[in-house]
Amino acid sequence: MFLTRWRLDHLADASTLALTELVANVVRHVPGRRCTVLILREPYGLRVEVSDAVAGAVVAKAADPLAESGRGLALVEAVTDRWGCAEAAGGKTVWFECDT
């Protein structure tokens, strides 16, 4: 138990930050601001999925240095080991993984 908790404790900051960014994107870009969050404990670490009802892939891009927004997905990319977007029937799922 102790080893498992320790192995996940160091993922808390990165996964919390990445999840906050993905949910903030839902609040900003999804009509109705609805999403589903799935958090999975995997043998290699943690997988988090945020699904919404708006189709279309998302892309991390370089933000203008003076812009007030536009850095969220770049931040997700920086603090996680992997991330991506999968289109689903009637929407999409943006996911990330953090390794122990």
N, C-alpha and C. Protein backbone atom coordinates (compact mmCIF):
# COMPACT_ATOMS: atom_id res chain seq x y z
N MET A 1 0.83 -1.19 0.00
CA MET A 1 0.00 0.00 0.00
C MET A 1 0.87 1.25 0.00
N PHE A 2 1.87 1.29 0.88
CA PHE A 2 2.74 2.47 0.98
C PHE A 2 3.44 2.74 -0.35
N LEU A 3 3.97 1.69 -0.97
CA LEU A 3 4.69 1.86 -2.23
C LEU A 3 3.75 2.41 -3.32
N THR A 4 2.54 1.87 -3.40
CA THR A 4 1.59 2.34 -4.40
C THR A 4 1.25 3.81 -4.18
N ARG A 5 0.98 4.19 -2.94
CA ARG A 5 0.64 5.59 -2.65
C ARG A 5 1.81 6.50 -2.99
N TRP A 6 3.03 6.13 -2.63
CA TRP A 6 4.19 6.95 -2.93
C TRP A 6 4.37 7.09 -4.43
N ARG A 7 4.17 6.02 -5.15
CA ARG A 7 4.36 6.06 -6.60
C ARG A 7 3.36 6.99 -7.26
N LEU A 8 2.17 7.16 -6.68
CA LEU A 8 1.18 8.04 -7.26
C LEU A 8 1.27 9.46 -6.71
N ASP A 9 1.78 9.64 -5.51
CA ASP A 9 1.88 10.98 -4.92
C ASP A 9 2.65 11.95 -5.81
N HIS A 10 3.73 11.48 -6.40
CA HIS A 10 4.54 12.41 -7.21
C HIS A 10 3.87 12.75 -8.55
N LEU A 11 2.78 12.06 -8.88
CA LEU A 11 2.03 12.39 -10.09
C LEU A 11 0.94 13.42 -9.84
N ALA A 12 0.66 13.70 -8.59
CA ALA A 12 -0.49 14.55 -8.24
C ALA A 12 -0.39 15.95 -8.85
N ASP A 13 0.73 16.61 -8.73
CA ASP A 13 0.84 17.98 -9.24
C ASP A 13 0.67 18.04 -10.75
N ALA A 14 1.38 17.18 -11.47
CA ALA A 14 1.29 17.20 -12.94
C ALA A 14 -0.10 16.81 -13.42
N SER A 15 -0.67 15.77 -12.84
CA SER A 15 -1.98 15.32 -13.30
C SER A 15 -3.07 16.32 -12.93
N THR A 16 -2.97 16.95 -11.77
CA THR A 16 -3.95 17.97 -11.38
C THR A 16 -3.89 19.17 -12.32
N LEU A 17 -2.70 19.61 -12.63
CA LEU A 17 -2.53 20.75 -13.54
C LEU A 17 -3.07 20.42 -14.93
N ALA A 18 -2.72 19.25 -15.44
CA ALA A 18 -3.17 18.86 -16.78
C ALA A 18 -4.69 18.71 -16.81
N LEU A 19 -5.28 18.10 -15.80
CA LEU A 19 -6.73 17.94 -15.75
C LEU A 19 -7.42 19.31 -15.68
N THR A 20 -6.88 20.21 -14.90
CA THR A 20 -7.44 21.56 -14.80
C THR A 20 -7.43 22.25 -16.15
N GLU A 21 -6.36 22.10 -16.91
CA GLU A 21 -6.28 22.72 -18.23
C GLU A 21 -7.31 22.13 -19.19
N LEU A 22 -7.50 20.81 -19.16
CA LEU A 22 -8.46 20.20 -20.07
C LEU A 22 -9.89 20.60 -19.71
N VAL A 23 -10.21 20.64 -18.43
CA VAL A 23 -11.55 21.06 -18.02
C VAL A 23 -11.77 22.54 -18.33
N ALA A 24 -10.73 23.36 -18.17
CA ALA A 24 -10.85 24.78 -18.52
C ALA A 24 -11.16 24.94 -20.01
N ASN A 25 -10.58 24.08 -20.85
CA ASN A 25 -10.89 24.13 -22.28
C ASN A 25 -12.36 23.80 -22.54
N VAL A 26 -12.90 22.85 -21.79
CA VAL A 26 -14.33 22.52 -21.92
C VAL A 26 -15.17 23.74 -21.53
N VAL A 27 -14.84 24.35 -20.42
CA VAL A 27 -15.60 25.51 -19.94
C VAL A 27 -15.55 26.63 -20.98
N ARG A 28 -14.43 26.79 -21.61
CA ARG A 28 -14.26 27.89 -22.56
C ARG A 28 -14.83 27.61 -23.95
N HIS A 29 -14.73 26.35 -24.40
CA HIS A 29 -15.02 26.06 -25.81
C HIS A 29 -16.22 25.15 -26.08
N VAL A 30 -16.77 24.51 -25.07
CA VAL A 30 -17.85 23.55 -25.29
C VAL A 30 -19.19 24.17 -24.88
N PRO A 31 -20.13 24.25 -25.81
CA PRO A 31 -21.45 24.76 -25.45
C PRO A 31 -22.07 23.91 -24.34
N GLY A 32 -22.61 24.55 -23.34
CA GLY A 32 -23.19 23.83 -22.22
C GLY A 32 -22.18 23.43 -21.16
N ARG A 33 -20.91 23.54 -21.49
CA ARG A 33 -19.83 23.27 -20.53
C ARG A 33 -19.93 21.91 -19.86
N ARG A 34 -20.33 20.90 -20.61
CA ARG A 34 -20.46 19.55 -20.05
C ARG A 34 -19.33 18.66 -20.56
N CYS A 35 -18.85 17.81 -19.66
CA CYS A 35 -17.84 16.82 -20.02
C CYS A 35 -17.93 15.65 -19.05
N THR A 36 -17.24 14.60 -19.41
CA THR A 36 -17.08 13.44 -18.55
C THR A 36 -15.60 13.26 -18.29
N VAL A 37 -15.24 13.04 -17.02
CA VAL A 37 -13.84 12.83 -16.64
C VAL A 37 -13.69 11.39 -16.17
N LEU A 38 -12.70 10.70 -16.70
CA LEU A 38 -12.40 9.33 -16.31
C LEU A 38 -10.94 9.29 -15.86
N ILE A 39 -10.70 8.82 -14.65
CA ILE A 39 -9.34 8.70 -14.12
C ILE A 39 -9.07 7.22 -13.88
N LEU A 40 -8.02 6.71 -14.52
CA LEU A 40 -7.69 5.30 -14.45
C LEU A 40 -6.32 5.09 -13.85
N ARG A 41 -6.22 4.20 -12.88
CA ARG A 41 -4.93 3.76 -12.36
C ARG A 41 -4.47 2.62 -13.24
N GLU A 42 -3.37 2.79 -13.91
CA GLU A 42 -2.82 1.79 -14.81
C GLU A 42 -1.53 1.23 -14.23
N PRO A 43 -1.06 0.07 -14.70
CA PRO A 43 0.19 -0.50 -14.18
C PRO A 43 1.39 0.44 -14.33
N TYR A 44 1.39 1.27 -15.37
CA TYR A 44 2.50 2.18 -15.61
C TYR A 44 2.33 3.52 -14.91
N GLY A 45 1.14 3.82 -14.40
CA GLY A 45 0.90 5.12 -13.76
C GLY A 45 -0.55 5.51 -13.78
N LEU A 46 -0.86 6.63 -14.43
CA LEU A 46 -2.20 7.20 -14.39
C LEU A 46 -2.61 7.64 -15.80
N ARG A 47 -3.87 7.38 -16.13
CA ARG A 47 -4.45 7.85 -17.40
C ARG A 47 -5.70 8.65 -17.05
N VAL A 48 -5.84 9.82 -17.65
CA VAL A 48 -6.99 10.68 -17.42
C VAL A 48 -7.60 11.02 -18.78
N GLU A 49 -8.92 10.90 -18.86
CA GLU A 49 -9.64 11.20 -20.10
C GLU A 49 -10.73 12.23 -19.81
N VAL A 50 -10.85 13.22 -20.68
CA VAL A 50 -11.91 14.22 -20.61
C VAL A 50 -12.64 14.17 -21.94
N SER A 51 -13.92 13.78 -21.88
CA SER A 51 -14.74 13.64 -23.09
C SER A 51 -15.81 14.72 -23.13
N ASP A 52 -16.07 15.22 -24.34
CA ASP A 52 -17.14 16.20 -24.52
C ASP A 52 -17.87 15.90 -25.82
N ALA A 53 -18.92 16.65 -26.09
CA ALA A 53 -19.80 16.39 -27.24
C ALA A 53 -19.48 17.25 -28.45
N VAL A 54 -18.30 17.83 -28.52
CA VAL A 54 -17.92 18.65 -29.67
C VAL A 54 -16.86 17.90 -30.46
N ALA A 55 -17.19 17.58 -31.71
CA ALA A 55 -16.25 16.83 -32.56
C ALA A 55 -15.08 17.72 -32.97
N GLY A 56 -14.00 17.08 -33.32
CA GLY A 56 -12.83 17.79 -33.84
C GLY A 56 -11.61 17.58 -32.98
N ALA A 57 -10.51 17.38 -33.64
CA ALA A 57 -9.24 17.18 -32.93
C ALA A 57 -8.75 18.49 -32.34
N VAL A 58 -7.96 18.37 -31.30
CA VAL A 58 -7.32 19.53 -30.69
C VAL A 58 -5.83 19.45 -30.95
N VAL A 59 -5.19 20.61 -31.05
CA VAL A 59 -3.77 20.67 -31.38
C VAL A 59 -3.09 21.66 -30.45
N ALA A 60 -1.96 21.26 -29.90
CA ALA A 60 -1.16 22.19 -29.11
C ALA A 60 -0.41 23.09 -30.08
N LYS A 61 -0.48 24.38 -29.84
CA LYS A 61 0.20 25.32 -30.73
C LYS A 61 0.93 26.36 -29.89
N ALA A 62 1.89 26.98 -30.51
CA ALA A 62 2.63 28.03 -29.82
C ALA A 62 1.75 29.27 -29.72
N ALA A 63 1.62 29.78 -28.51
CA ALA A 63 0.81 30.98 -28.30
C ALA A 63 1.67 32.23 -28.50
N ASP A 64 1.02 33.28 -28.89
CA ASP A 64 1.68 34.58 -28.96
C ASP A 64 2.17 34.92 -27.55
N PRO A 65 3.42 35.33 -27.39
CA PRO A 65 3.95 35.62 -26.05
C PRO A 65 3.13 36.65 -25.27
N LEU A 66 2.42 37.52 -25.95
CA LEU A 66 1.63 38.53 -25.27
C LEU A 66 0.16 38.15 -25.11
N ALA A 67 -0.23 36.98 -25.63
CA ALA A 67 -1.62 36.54 -25.54
C ALA A 67 -1.96 36.16 -24.11
N GLU A 68 -3.22 36.37 -23.73
CA GLU A 68 -3.69 36.03 -22.39
C GLU A 68 -4.05 34.57 -22.26
N SER A 69 -4.19 33.86 -23.36
CA SER A 69 -4.56 32.45 -23.32
C SER A 69 -3.88 31.72 -24.46
N GLY A 70 -4.15 30.40 -24.56
CA GLY A 70 -3.62 29.63 -25.67
C GLY A 70 -2.44 28.73 -25.33
N ARG A 71 -2.14 28.60 -24.05
CA ARG A 71 -0.99 27.79 -23.65
C ARG A 71 -1.37 26.48 -22.97
N GLY A 72 -2.66 26.23 -22.81
CA GLY A 72 -3.13 25.09 -22.03
C GLY A 72 -2.63 23.75 -22.53
N LEU A 73 -2.80 23.46 -23.82
CA LEU A 73 -2.37 22.16 -24.33
C LEU A 73 -0.86 22.04 -24.38
N ALA A 74 -0.17 23.12 -24.59
CA ALA A 74 1.31 23.09 -24.51
C ALA A 74 1.74 22.75 -23.09
N LEU A 75 1.00 23.26 -22.12
CA LEU A 75 1.29 22.95 -20.72
C LEU A 75 1.00 21.48 -20.43
N VAL A 76 -0.11 20.96 -20.94
CA VAL A 76 -0.43 19.54 -20.78
C VAL A 76 0.70 18.70 -21.37
N GLU A 77 1.16 19.08 -22.54
CA GLU A 77 2.25 18.35 -23.20
C GLU A 77 3.54 18.40 -22.35
N ALA A 78 3.78 19.52 -21.70
CA ALA A 78 5.01 19.68 -20.93
C ALA A 78 5.02 18.89 -19.62
N VAL A 79 3.86 18.72 -18.99
CA VAL A 79 3.85 18.10 -17.65
C VAL A 79 3.43 16.64 -17.66
N THR A 80 3.04 16.09 -18.82
CA THR A 80 2.63 14.69 -18.89
C THR A 80 3.60 13.90 -19.77
N ASP A 81 3.50 12.59 -19.69
CA ASP A 81 4.37 11.76 -20.52
C ASP A 81 3.82 11.56 -21.93
N ARG A 82 2.51 11.52 -22.05
CA ARG A 82 1.85 11.38 -23.33
C ARG A 82 0.48 12.05 -23.25
N TRP A 83 0.00 12.54 -24.38
CA TRP A 83 -1.37 13.05 -24.45
C TRP A 83 -1.85 12.94 -25.88
N GLY A 84 -3.14 13.02 -26.06
CA GLY A 84 -3.68 12.95 -27.40
C GLY A 84 -5.17 13.23 -27.41
N CYS A 85 -5.74 13.11 -28.59
CA CYS A 85 -7.16 13.36 -28.78
C CYS A 85 -7.71 12.26 -29.68
N ALA A 86 -8.82 11.66 -29.28
CA ALA A 86 -9.47 10.63 -30.07
C ALA A 86 -10.90 11.07 -30.37
N GLU A 87 -11.25 11.07 -31.65
CA GLU A 87 -12.63 11.41 -32.00
C GLU A 87 -13.51 10.22 -31.65
N ALA A 88 -14.70 10.53 -31.16
CA ALA A 88 -15.67 9.51 -30.80
C ALA A 88 -17.01 9.89 -31.42
N ALA A 89 -17.94 8.96 -31.41
CA ALA A 89 -19.27 9.25 -31.94
C ALA A 89 -19.87 10.41 -31.15
N GLY A 90 -20.11 11.50 -31.84
CA GLY A 90 -20.74 12.65 -31.19
C GLY A 90 -19.82 13.48 -30.34
N GLY A 91 -18.51 13.39 -30.53
CA GLY A 91 -17.61 14.22 -29.74
C GLY A 91 -16.17 13.78 -29.82
N LYS A 92 -15.45 14.03 -28.75
CA LYS A 92 -14.03 13.67 -28.70
C LYS A 92 -13.62 13.40 -27.26
N THR A 93 -12.49 12.74 -27.12
CA THR A 93 -11.87 12.50 -25.82
C THR A 93 -10.43 12.98 -25.89
N VAL A 94 -10.08 13.89 -25.00
CA VAL A 94 -8.70 14.32 -24.86
C VAL A 94 -8.16 13.59 -23.64
N TRP A 95 -7.00 12.97 -23.78
CA TRP A 95 -6.46 12.15 -22.71
C TRP A 95 -4.99 12.49 -22.46
N PHE A 96 -4.51 12.12 -21.28
CA PHE A 96 -3.08 12.19 -20.99
C PHE A 96 -2.70 11.06 -20.07
N GLU A 97 -1.42 10.74 -20.06
CA GLU A 97 -0.88 9.70 -19.20
C GLU A 97 0.36 10.22 -18.48
N CYS A 98 0.46 9.85 -17.22
CA CYS A 98 1.64 10.17 -16.41
C CYS A 98 2.21 8.87 -15.88
N ASP A 99 3.48 8.62 -16.14
CA ASP A 99 4.14 7.41 -15.68
C ASP A 99 4.68 7.56 -14.27
N THR A 100 4.67 6.44 -13.54
CA THR A 100 5.27 6.44 -12.20
C THR A 100 6.75 6.39 -12.29
